[in-house]
C-alpha cells in the first residue's frame, strides 16, 4: 500500500524521536568504540596515532583475555542451563492454586527487587572468609571455606549467585506460558491415560517453546555481560580467575589507561555475543516452528 506525503510525514514525525534516541545511545557509541579500537590512545593524552589491527592482534595472544572469555562462557552456559531448568520446575509447582502460592511466587521474585550491587554486598558479608557463614561453620567445629579465595570455588560462587538472583524472573516467564496452555489439551491426554510425566513431555514442554526461547536468550545475553557481581565480590581475583570479558574491558580501559586496547576487547565481546545470540535465536525459533 502506497502512502501519500501527509502519511509519510506523520510516520516520520512519530518514529523520529525513537530513531534519534536509538542512534544517540547505541549506534554512535558503537561507532566510536570501533573507531577508538584502531587507535593507540590512553584516554587522557591529547595525542594519539593510528594503530591499525594491532589491538585486535594483541588480544588474540592475550592470555588474560582468553581466560576471561572462558570464565564468561562457563558462567553463561551453566547459569543459563540451571536457571531455565529450575524456572520450569518451580513454575510447574507454582502453577497450582493454593493459599500459599502467591507467597511462594513473591519469595522467588524478591531477589529481583534489589540491585545486583546490593545483592553482591549482602552475599559478600555472608560468604567472605570472616563472614556470617564461616563464623557459623567455625562455631560448629568445621573449617572455614574460601568461597572467594579459591579460584574454582570463586567462579562457582559467582555462578550460583547469578542463578539465585535470576531464577525468579524466569519463573514469571514460564508461569505466563503455562497459563496460556489450553486446559482442554490436558483433559484430552488424561482421557488417553497419560500420566503427569507424559503430560509434561508431550504437552507442557512443547507448548512452553516461546517462553523457553525468551528465557534462554535473556539469560544468555545477560550472563555474557556479567560485571557487577565480579566487581563487588572478587575484583576479578584470585589472580584473575574470575575476570569476565566485561570486567576486563573496564579494568584495562580505566585502571590501566589503555582505552584503545579495551575498545578492541569490547568489539570482540560485541561480535561474540552478537553471533552467538543471533545463532541461538534462529535455532530456537526454528524449534518453536517444529513444536508448535
C-alpha atoms as a PDB file:
ATOM      1  CA  UNK A   1       0.000   0.000   0.000  1.00  0.00           C
ATOM      2  CA  UNK A   2       1.394   3.354  -1.077  1.00  0.00           C
ATOM      3  CA  UNK A   3       1.424   6.231   1.393  1.00  0.00           C
ATOM      4  CA  UNK A   4       0.786   9.818   0.450  1.00  0.00           C
ATOM      5  CA  UNK A   5       3.084  12.634   1.519  1.00  0.00           C
ATOM      6  CA  UNK A   6       0.950  13.527   4.539  1.00  0.00           C
ATOM      7  CA  UNK A   7       1.085   9.952   5.893  1.00  0.00           C
ATOM      8  CA  UNK A   8       4.841   9.710   5.307  1.00  0.00           C
ATOM      9  CA  UNK A   9       5.367  12.939   7.235  1.00  0.00           C
ATOM     10  CA  UNK A  10       3.184  11.648  10.085  1.00  0.00           C
ATOM     11  CA  UNK A  11       5.085   8.361  10.304  1.00  0.00           C
ATOM     12  CA  UNK A  12       8.416  10.154  10.102  1.00  0.00           C
ATOM     13  CA  UNK A  13       7.390  12.500  12.905  1.00  0.00           C
ATOM     14  CA  UNK A  14       6.320   9.598  15.132  1.00  0.00           C
ATOM     15  CA  UNK A  15       9.395   7.463  14.513  1.00  0.00           C
ATOM     16  CA  UNK A  16      11.999  10.259  14.525  1.00  0.00           C
ATOM     17  CA  UNK A  17      12.370  10.580  18.355  1.00  0.00           C
ATOM     18  CA  UNK A  18      12.821   6.828  18.808  1.00  0.00           C
ATOM     19  CA  UNK A  19      15.309   6.572  15.961  1.00  0.00           C
ATOM     20  CA  UNK A  20      17.233   9.586  17.284  1.00  0.00           C
ATOM     21  CA  UNK A  21      17.472   8.087  20.783  1.00  0.00           C
ATOM     22  CA  UNK A  22      18.478   4.697  19.339  1.00  0.00           C
ATOM     23  CA  UNK A  23      21.192   6.282  17.220  1.00  0.00           C
ATOM     24  CA  UNK A  24      22.440   8.560  20.002  1.00  0.00           C
ATOM     25  CA  UNK A  25      22.723   5.920  22.704  1.00  0.00           C
ATOM     26  CA  UNK A  26      23.542   2.806  20.666  1.00  0.00           C
ATOM     27  CA  UNK A  27      24.748   3.360  17.114  1.00  0.00           C
ATOM     28  CA  UNK A  28      27.000   6.349  17.843  1.00  0.00           C
ATOM     29  CA  UNK A  29      28.706   4.695  20.872  1.00  0.00           C
ATOM     30  CA  UNK A  30      29.302   1.528  18.848  1.00  0.00           C
ATOM     31  CA  UNK A  31      30.788   3.604  16.038  1.00  0.00           C
ATOM     32  CA  UNK A  32      33.081   5.451  18.455  1.00  0.00           C
ATOM     33  CA  UNK A  33      34.061   2.142  20.051  1.00  0.00           C
ATOM     34  CA  UNK A  34      35.159   0.730  16.704  1.00  0.00           C
ATOM     35  CA  UNK A  35      36.964   3.981  15.855  1.00  0.00           C
ATOM     36  CA  UNK A  36      38.941   4.033  19.119  1.00  0.00           C
ATOM     37  CA  UNK A  37      39.851   0.361  18.734  1.00  0.00           C
ATOM     38  CA  UNK A  38      42.015   1.252  15.729  1.00  0.00           C
ATOM     39  CA  UNK A  39      43.976   3.891  17.659  1.00  0.00           C
ATOM     40  CA  UNK A  40      46.735   3.860  20.234  1.00  0.00           C
ATOM     41  CA  UNK A  41      45.286   6.129  22.902  1.00  0.00           C
ATOM     42  CA  UNK A  42      45.236   6.016  26.687  1.00  0.00           C
ATOM     43  CA  UNK A  43      42.046   8.051  27.038  1.00  0.00           C
ATOM     44  CA  UNK A  44      43.842  11.029  28.600  1.00  0.00           C
ATOM     45  CA  UNK A  45      46.645  12.174  26.319  1.00  0.00           C
ATOM     46  CA  UNK A  46      45.712  14.813  23.702  1.00  0.00           C
ATOM     47  CA  UNK A  47      47.840  12.998  21.126  1.00  0.00           C
ATOM     48  CA  UNK A  48      47.209   9.590  19.587  1.00  0.00           C
ATOM     49  CA  UNK A  49      48.071   7.749  16.405  1.00  0.00           C
ATOM     50  CA  UNK A  50      46.534   5.138  14.149  1.00  0.00           C
ATOM     51  CA  UNK A  51      47.427   1.591  15.247  1.00  0.00           C
ATOM     52  CA  UNK A  52      45.508  -0.426  12.665  1.00  0.00           C
ATOM     53  CA  UNK A  53      44.791  -4.008  13.711  1.00  0.00           C
ATOM     54  CA  UNK A  54      47.415  -4.043  16.474  1.00  0.00           C
ATOM     55  CA  UNK A  55      44.903  -4.022  19.325  1.00  0.00           C
ATOM     56  CA  UNK A  56      42.979  -6.930  17.830  1.00  0.00           C
ATOM     57  CA  UNK A  57      46.139  -8.937  17.189  1.00  0.00           C
ATOM     58  CA  UNK A  58      47.337  -8.343  20.738  1.00  0.00           C
ATOM     59  CA  UNK A  59      44.007  -9.528  22.140  1.00  0.00           C
ATOM     60  CA  UNK A  60      44.285 -12.831  20.272  1.00  0.00           C
ATOM     61  CA  UNK A  61      47.599 -13.514  22.041  1.00  0.00           C
ATOM     62  CA  UNK A  62      46.480 -12.125  25.404  1.00  0.00           C
ATOM     63  CA  UNK A  63      46.255 -14.986  27.901  1.00  0.00           C
ATOM     64  CA  UNK A  64      44.160 -12.862  30.292  1.00  0.00           C
ATOM     65  CA  UNK A  65      41.597 -12.195  27.565  1.00  0.00           C
ATOM     66  CA  UNK A  66      41.346 -15.879  26.640  1.00  0.00           C
ATOM     67  CA  UNK A  67      40.933 -16.788  30.303  1.00  0.00           C
ATOM     68  CA  UNK A  68      38.233 -14.122  30.708  1.00  0.00           C
ATOM     69  CA  UNK A  69      36.429 -15.491  27.652  1.00  0.00           C
ATOM     70  CA  UNK A  70      36.496 -18.990  29.153  1.00  0.00           C
ATOM     71  CA  UNK A  71      35.178 -17.748  32.511  1.00  0.00           C
ATOM     72  CA  UNK A  72      32.412 -15.775  30.786  1.00  0.00           C
ATOM     73  CA  UNK A  73      31.311 -18.744  28.684  1.00  0.00           C
ATOM     74  CA  UNK A  74      31.367 -21.053  31.720  1.00  0.00           C
ATOM     75  CA  UNK A  75      29.170 -18.735  33.783  1.00  0.00           C
ATOM     76  CA  UNK A  76      26.863 -18.134  30.820  1.00  0.00           C
ATOM     77  CA  UNK A  77      26.333 -21.780  29.866  1.00  0.00           C
ATOM     78  CA  UNK A  78      25.951 -23.100  33.416  1.00  0.00           C
ATOM     79  CA  UNK A  79      23.734 -20.229  34.610  1.00  0.00           C
ATOM     80  CA  UNK A  80      21.504 -20.368  31.516  1.00  0.00           C
ATOM     81  CA  UNK A  81      21.006 -24.125  31.805  1.00  0.00           C
ATOM     82  CA  UNK A  82      20.457 -24.081  35.586  1.00  0.00           C
ATOM     83  CA  UNK A  83      18.090 -21.092  35.623  1.00  0.00           C
ATOM     84  CA  UNK A  84      15.898 -22.488  32.854  1.00  0.00           C
ATOM     85  CA  UNK A  85      15.787 -25.936  34.435  1.00  0.00           C
ATOM     86  CA  UNK A  86      14.856 -24.521  37.838  1.00  0.00           C
ATOM     87  CA  UNK A  87      12.499 -21.986  36.244  1.00  0.00           C
ATOM     88  CA  UNK A  88      10.440 -24.678  34.530  1.00  0.00           C
ATOM     89  CA  UNK A  89      10.425 -26.884  37.650  1.00  0.00           C
ATOM     90  CA  UNK A  90       9.264 -24.176  40.047  1.00  0.00           C
ATOM     91  CA  UNK A  91       6.837 -22.688  37.523  1.00  0.00           C
ATOM     92  CA  UNK A  92       5.080 -26.037  37.212  1.00  0.00           C
ATOM     93  CA  UNK A  93       4.935 -26.355  41.008  1.00  0.00           C
ATOM     94  CA  UNK A  94       3.735 -22.767  41.500  1.00  0.00           C
ATOM     95  CA  UNK A  95       1.115 -23.033  38.768  1.00  0.00           C
ATOM     96  CA  UNK A  96      -1.135 -24.959  41.149  1.00  0.00           C
ATOM     97  CA  UNK A  97      -3.670 -22.923  43.104  1.00  0.00           C
ATOM     98  CA  UNK A  98      -3.282 -22.912  46.872  1.00  0.00           C
ATOM     99  CA  UNK A  99      -3.302 -20.475  49.774  1.00  0.00           C
ATOM    100  CA  UNK A 100       0.489 -20.153  49.776  1.00  0.00           C
ATOM    101  CA  UNK A 101       1.021 -19.860  46.010  1.00  0.00           C
ATOM    102  CA  UNK A 102       1.179 -16.061  45.928  1.00  0.00           C
ATOM    103  CA  UNK A 103       3.548 -16.059  48.901  1.00  0.00           C
ATOM    104  CA  UNK A 104       5.925 -18.514  47.239  1.00  0.00           C
ATOM    105  CA  UNK A 105       5.839 -16.520  43.995  1.00  0.00           C
ATOM    106  CA  UNK A 106       6.783 -13.372  45.926  1.00  0.00           C
ATOM    107  CA  UNK A 107       9.655 -15.170  47.669  1.00  0.00           C
ATOM    108  CA  UNK A 108      11.171 -16.285  44.379  1.00  0.00           C
ATOM    109  CA  UNK A 109      10.709 -12.863  42.775  1.00  0.00           C
ATOM    110  CA  UNK A 110      12.094 -10.896  45.746  1.00  0.00           C
ATOM    111  CA  UNK A 111      15.812 -11.023  44.721  1.00  0.00           C
ATOM    112  CA  UNK A 112      14.967  -9.078  41.557  1.00  0.00           C
ATOM    113  CA  UNK A 113      13.712  -6.141  43.612  1.00  0.00           C
ATOM    114  CA  UNK A 114      17.283  -5.441  44.763  1.00  0.00           C
ATOM    115  CA  UNK A 115      20.111  -4.276  42.527  1.00  0.00           C
ATOM    116  CA  UNK A 116      22.924  -6.650  41.624  1.00  0.00           C
ATOM    117  CA  UNK A 117      25.371  -4.479  43.571  1.00  0.00           C
ATOM    118  CA  UNK A 118      23.230  -4.625  46.712  1.00  0.00           C
ATOM    119  CA  UNK A 119      22.882  -8.385  46.381  1.00  0.00           C
ATOM    120  CA  UNK A 120      26.635  -8.625  45.964  1.00  0.00           C
ATOM    121  CA  UNK A 121      27.373  -6.783  49.194  1.00  0.00           C
ATOM    122  CA  UNK A 122      24.800  -8.855  51.095  1.00  0.00           C
ATOM    123  CA  UNK A 123      26.303 -12.151  49.928  1.00  0.00           C
ATOM    124  CA  UNK A 124      29.807 -10.828  50.482  1.00  0.00           C
ATOM    125  CA  UNK A 125      29.011 -10.298  54.175  1.00  0.00           C
ATOM    126  CA  UNK A 126      27.681 -13.860  54.302  1.00  0.00           C
ATOM    127  CA  UNK A 127      30.289 -15.766  52.277  1.00  0.00           C
ATOM    128  CA  UNK A 128      33.544 -13.873  52.907  1.00  0.00           C
ATOM    129  CA  UNK A 129      36.260 -15.612  54.939  1.00  0.00           C
ATOM    130  CA  UNK A 130      35.229 -13.704  58.087  1.00  0.00           C
ATOM    131  CA  UNK A 131      31.578 -13.639  57.116  1.00  0.00           C
ATOM    132  CA  UNK A 132      28.457 -14.978  58.748  1.00  0.00           C
ATOM    133  CA  UNK A 133      28.533 -18.463  57.215  1.00  0.00           C
ATOM    134  CA  UNK A 134      32.200 -19.142  58.033  1.00  0.00           C
ATOM    135  CA  UNK A 135      31.721 -17.927  61.604  1.00  0.00           C
ATOM    136  CA  UNK A 136      28.795 -20.311  61.884  1.00  0.00           C
ATOM    137  CA  UNK A 137      30.849 -23.197  60.476  1.00  0.00           C
ATOM    138  CA  UNK A 138      33.668 -22.468  62.910  1.00  0.00           C
ATOM    139  CA  UNK A 139      31.238 -22.456  65.834  1.00  0.00           C
ATOM    140  CA  UNK A 140      30.213 -25.962  64.759  1.00  0.00           C
ATOM    141  CA  UNK A 141      33.851 -27.094  64.750  1.00  0.00           C
ATOM    142  CA  UNK A 142      34.198 -27.052  60.956  1.00  0.00           C
ATOM    143  CA  UNK A 143      36.877 -25.384  58.831  1.00  0.00           C
ATOM    144  CA  UNK A 144      36.268 -22.049  57.150  1.00  0.00           C
ATOM    145  CA  UNK A 145      35.683 -22.149  53.394  1.00  0.00           C
ATOM    146  CA  UNK A 146      37.423 -19.826  50.917  1.00  0.00           C
ATOM    147  CA  UNK A 147      34.427 -19.021  48.748  1.00  0.00           C
ATOM    148  CA  UNK A 148      36.245 -16.140  47.065  1.00  0.00           C
ATOM    149  CA  UNK A 149      39.874 -17.109  47.717  1.00  0.00           C
ATOM    150  CA  UNK A 150      39.788 -20.434  45.884  1.00  0.00           C
ATOM    151  CA  UNK A 151      39.826 -19.880  42.076  1.00  0.00           C
ATOM    152  CA  UNK A 152      37.497 -22.762  41.185  1.00  0.00           C
ATOM    153  CA  UNK A 153      35.147 -22.155  44.092  1.00  0.00           C
ATOM    154  CA  UNK A 154      35.018 -18.409  43.381  1.00  0.00           C
ATOM    155  CA  UNK A 155      33.741 -18.998  39.830  1.00  0.00           C
ATOM    156  CA  UNK A 156      31.154 -21.474  41.083  1.00  0.00           C
ATOM    157  CA  UNK A 157      30.046 -18.996  43.763  1.00  0.00           C
ATOM    158  CA  UNK A 158      29.523 -16.251  41.176  1.00  0.00           C
ATOM    159  CA  UNK A 159      27.561 -18.672  39.007  1.00  0.00           C
ATOM    160  CA  UNK A 160      25.408 -19.728  41.953  1.00  0.00           C
ATOM    161  CA  UNK A 161      24.576 -16.106  42.781  1.00  0.00           C
ATOM    162  CA  UNK A 162      23.662 -15.403  39.151  1.00  0.00           C
ATOM    163  CA  UNK A 163      21.307 -18.393  39.210  1.00  0.00           C
ATOM    164  CA  UNK A 164      19.839 -17.412  42.581  1.00  0.00           C
ATOM    165  CA  UNK A 165      19.026 -13.844  41.525  1.00  0.00           C
ATOM    166  CA  UNK A 166      17.716 -14.610  38.032  1.00  0.00           C
ATOM    167  CA  UNK A 167      15.517 -17.631  38.695  1.00  0.00           C
ATOM    168  CA  UNK A 168      12.561 -15.566  39.940  1.00  0.00           C
ATOM    169  CA  UNK A 169      12.211 -13.615  36.698  1.00  0.00           C
ATOM    170  CA  UNK A 170      12.447 -16.777  34.588  1.00  0.00           C
ATOM    171  CA  UNK A 171       9.752 -18.402  36.748  1.00  0.00           C
ATOM    172  CA  UNK A 172       7.421 -15.491  35.932  1.00  0.00           C
ATOM    173  CA  UNK A 173       8.027 -16.002  32.196  1.00  0.00           C
ATOM    174  CA  UNK A 174       7.276 -19.720  32.400  1.00  0.00           C
ATOM    175  CA  UNK A 175       4.217 -19.129  34.588  1.00  0.00           C
ATOM    176  CA  UNK A 176       2.806 -16.841  31.910  1.00  0.00           C
ATOM    177  CA  UNK A 177       3.479 -19.548  29.335  1.00  0.00           C
ATOM    178  CA  UNK A 178       1.834 -22.251  31.454  1.00  0.00           C
ATOM    179  CA  UNK A 179      -1.306 -20.187  31.967  1.00  0.00           C
ATOM    180  CA  UNK A 180      -1.690 -19.762  28.206  1.00  0.00           C
ATOM    181  CA  UNK A 181      -1.854 -23.533  27.579  1.00  0.00           C
ATOM    182  CA  UNK A 182      -5.489 -24.619  26.954  1.00  0.00           C
ATOM    183  CA  UNK A 183      -6.835 -26.900  29.682  1.00  0.00           C
ATOM    184  CA  UNK A 184      -8.596 -28.954  27.004  1.00  0.00           C
ATOM    185  CA  UNK A 185      -5.249 -30.382  25.892  1.00  0.00           C
ATOM    186  CA  UNK A 186      -4.602 -31.850  29.326  1.00  0.00           C
ATOM    187  CA  UNK A 187      -8.141 -33.223  29.514  1.00  0.00           C
ATOM    188  CA  UNK A 188      -7.685 -34.934  26.154  1.00  0.00           C
ATOM    189  CA  UNK A 189      -4.422 -36.688  27.081  1.00  0.00           C
ATOM    190  CA  UNK A 190      -5.801 -37.662  30.502  1.00  0.00           C
ATOM    191  CA  UNK A 191      -8.614 -39.485  28.727  1.00  0.00           C
ATOM    192  CA  UNK A 192      -5.936 -41.356  26.784  1.00  0.00           C
ATOM    193  CA  UNK A 193      -4.348 -42.445  30.065  1.00  0.00           C
ATOM    194  CA  UNK A 194      -1.287 -40.156  30.062  1.00  0.00           C
ATOM    195  CA  UNK A 195       0.485 -39.757  33.404  1.00  0.00           C
ATOM    196  CA  UNK A 196       1.982 -36.494  34.689  1.00  0.00           C
ATOM    197  CA  UNK A 197       5.376 -37.058  33.095  1.00  0.00           C
ATOM    198  CA  UNK A 198       3.776 -37.818  29.730  1.00  0.00           C
ATOM    199  CA  UNK A 199       1.612 -34.703  30.056  1.00  0.00           C
ATOM    200  CA  UNK A 200       4.689 -32.604  30.714  1.00  0.00           C
ATOM    201  CA  UNK A 201       6.714 -34.202  27.918  1.00  0.00           C
ATOM    202  CA  UNK A 202       4.082 -34.053  25.195  1.00  0.00           C
ATOM    203  CA  UNK A 203       2.018 -31.002  26.187  1.00  0.00           C
ATOM    204  CA  UNK A 204       3.679 -28.691  28.731  1.00  0.00           C
ATOM    205  CA  UNK A 205       7.271 -28.576  27.493  1.00  0.00           C
ATOM    206  CA  UNK A 206       6.464 -28.245  23.748  1.00  0.00           C
ATOM    207  CA  UNK A 207       3.878 -25.527  24.436  1.00  0.00           C
ATOM    208  CA  UNK A 208       6.449 -23.613  26.505  1.00  0.00           C
ATOM    209  CA  UNK A 209       8.696 -23.223  23.443  1.00  0.00           C
ATOM    210  CA  UNK A 210       8.145 -19.410  23.091  1.00  0.00           C
ATOM    211  CA  UNK A 211       8.794 -18.904  26.822  1.00  0.00           C
ATOM    212  CA  UNK A 212      11.850 -21.135  26.580  1.00  0.00           C
ATOM    213  CA  UNK A 213      13.251 -19.077  23.715  1.00  0.00           C
ATOM    214  CA  UNK A 214      12.720 -15.802  25.577  1.00  0.00           C
ATOM    215  CA  UNK A 215      14.222 -17.135  28.812  1.00  0.00           C
ATOM    216  CA  UNK A 216      17.313 -18.643  27.176  1.00  0.00           C
ATOM    217  CA  UNK A 217      18.089 -15.500  25.177  1.00  0.00           C
ATOM    218  CA  UNK A 218      17.515 -13.279  28.217  1.00  0.00           C
ATOM    219  CA  UNK A 219      19.840 -15.329  30.421  1.00  0.00           C
ATOM    220  CA  UNK A 220      22.447 -15.831  27.712  1.00  0.00           C
ATOM    221  CA  UNK A 221      22.847 -12.168  26.798  1.00  0.00           C
ATOM    222  CA  UNK A 222      22.682 -11.059  30.437  1.00  0.00           C
ATOM    223  CA  UNK A 223      25.286 -13.577  31.614  1.00  0.00           C
ATOM    224  CA  UNK A 224      27.683 -12.696  28.788  1.00  0.00           C
ATOM    225  CA  UNK A 225      27.725  -9.142  30.196  1.00  0.00           C
ATOM    226  CA  UNK A 226      28.468 -10.273  33.762  1.00  0.00           C
ATOM    227  CA  UNK A 227      30.243  -7.435  35.559  1.00  0.00           C
ATOM    228  CA  UNK A 228      28.535  -6.192  38.744  1.00  0.00           C
ATOM    229  CA  UNK A 229      28.932  -9.311  40.851  1.00  0.00           C
ATOM    230  CA  UNK A 230      32.579  -9.689  39.847  1.00  0.00           C
ATOM    231  CA  UNK A 231      33.346  -6.047  40.696  1.00  0.00           C
ATOM    232  CA  UNK A 232      31.687  -6.299  44.128  1.00  0.00           C
ATOM    233  CA  UNK A 233      32.653  -9.796  45.253  1.00  0.00           C
ATOM    234  CA  UNK A 234      36.033 -10.796  43.806  1.00  0.00           C
ATOM    235  CA  UNK A 235      37.514  -7.823  41.890  1.00  0.00           C
ATOM    236  CA  UNK A 236      38.430 -10.401  39.244  1.00  0.00           C
ATOM    237  CA  UNK A 237      40.549 -12.419  41.669  1.00  0.00           C
ATOM    238  CA  UNK A 238      42.115 -14.512  42.868  1.00  0.00           C
ATOM    239  CA  UNK A 239      44.855 -13.954  40.277  1.00  0.00           C
ATOM    240  CA  UNK A 240      42.337 -13.063  37.552  1.00  0.00           C
ATOM    241  CA  UNK A 241      40.473 -16.373  37.919  1.00  0.00           C
ATOM    242  CA  UNK A 242      37.037 -14.704  37.955  1.00  0.00           C
ATOM    243  CA  UNK A 243      37.591 -11.938  35.416  1.00  0.00           C
ATOM    244  CA  UNK A 244      34.867 -11.826  32.791  1.00  0.00           C
ATOM    245  CA  UNK A 245      35.201 -10.041  29.449  1.00  0.00           C
ATOM    246  CA  UNK A 246      33.096  -7.107  30.635  1.00  0.00           C
ATOM    247  CA  UNK A 247      35.141  -6.745  33.812  1.00  0.00           C
ATOM    248  CA  UNK A 248      38.414  -6.926  31.887  1.00  0.00           C
ATOM    249  CA  UNK A 249      37.253  -4.259  29.433  1.00  0.00           C
ATOM    250  CA  UNK A 250      36.625  -1.833  32.295  1.00  0.00           C
ATOM    251  CA  UNK A 251      39.809  -2.850  34.136  1.00  0.00           C
ATOM    252  CA  UNK A 252      42.082  -2.436  31.117  1.00  0.00           C
ATOM    253  CA  UNK A 253      40.427   0.762  29.943  1.00  0.00           C
ATOM    254  CA  UNK A 254      40.154   2.703  33.190  1.00  0.00           C
ATOM    255  CA  UNK A 255      42.619   1.084  35.600  1.00  0.00           C
ATOM    256  CA  UNK A 256      45.455   0.517  33.135  1.00  0.00           C
ATOM    257  CA  UNK A 257      44.590   3.581  30.993  1.00  0.00           C
ATOM    258  CA  UNK A 258      44.595   1.553  27.761  1.00  0.00           C
ATOM    259  CA  UNK A 259      41.379   2.857  26.300  1.00  0.00           C
ATOM    260  CA  UNK A 260      42.031   1.809  22.706  1.00  0.00           C
ATOM    261  CA  UNK A 261      43.010  -1.721  23.665  1.00  0.00           C
ATOM    262  CA  UNK A 262      39.943  -2.066  25.904  1.00  0.00           C
ATOM    263  CA  UNK A 263      37.846  -0.815  22.963  1.00  0.00           C
ATOM    264  CA  UNK A 264      39.295  -3.660  20.894  1.00  0.00           C
ATOM    265  CA  UNK A 265      38.343  -6.143  23.615  1.00  0.00           C
ATOM    266  CA  UNK A 266      34.833  -4.651  23.728  1.00  0.00           C
ATOM    267  CA  UNK A 267      34.482  -5.070  19.951  1.00  0.00           C
ATOM    268  CA  UNK A 268      35.458  -8.724  20.290  1.00  0.00           C
ATOM    269  CA  UNK A 269      32.861  -9.068  23.031  1.00  0.00           C
ATOM    270  CA  UNK A 270      30.222  -7.360  20.855  1.00  0.00           C
ATOM    271  CA  UNK A 271      30.933  -9.669  17.923  1.00  0.00           C
ATOM    272  CA  UNK A 272      30.982 -12.847  20.039  1.00  0.00           C
ATOM    273  CA  UNK A 273      27.753 -12.013  21.859  1.00  0.00           C
ATOM    274  CA  UNK A 274      26.001 -10.927  18.662  1.00  0.00           C
ATOM    275  CA  UNK A 275      26.977 -14.024  16.668  1.00  0.00           C
ATOM    276  CA  UNK A 276      26.097 -16.447  19.456  1.00  0.00           C
ATOM    277  CA  UNK A 277      22.845 -14.676  20.352  1.00  0.00           C
ATOM    278  CA  UNK A 278      21.653 -14.478  16.735  1.00  0.00           C
ATOM    279  CA  UNK A 279      22.584 -18.130  16.079  1.00  0.00           C
ATOM    280  CA  UNK A 280      20.821 -19.230  19.251  1.00  0.00           C
ATOM    281  CA  UNK A 281      17.734 -17.183  18.414  1.00  0.00           C
ATOM    282  CA  UNK A 282      17.493 -18.657  14.907  1.00  0.00           C
ATOM    283  CA  UNK A 283      17.842 -22.201  16.259  1.00  0.00           C
ATOM    284  CA  UNK A 284      15.231 -21.683  18.989  1.00  0.00           C
ATOM    285  CA  UNK A 285      12.784 -20.001  16.601  1.00  0.00           C
ATOM    286  CA  UNK A 286      13.028 -22.977  14.248  1.00  0.00           C
ATOM    287  CA  UNK A 287      12.479 -25.230  17.241  1.00  0.00           C
ATOM    288  CA  UNK A 288       9.280 -23.305  18.032  1.00  0.00           C
ATOM    289  CA  UNK A 289       8.046 -23.842  14.480  1.00  0.00           C
ATOM    290  CA  UNK A 290       8.676 -27.584  14.718  1.00  0.00           C
ATOM    291  CA  UNK A 291       6.944 -27.948  18.095  1.00  0.00           C
ATOM    292  CA  UNK A 292       4.020 -25.590  17.505  1.00  0.00           C
END
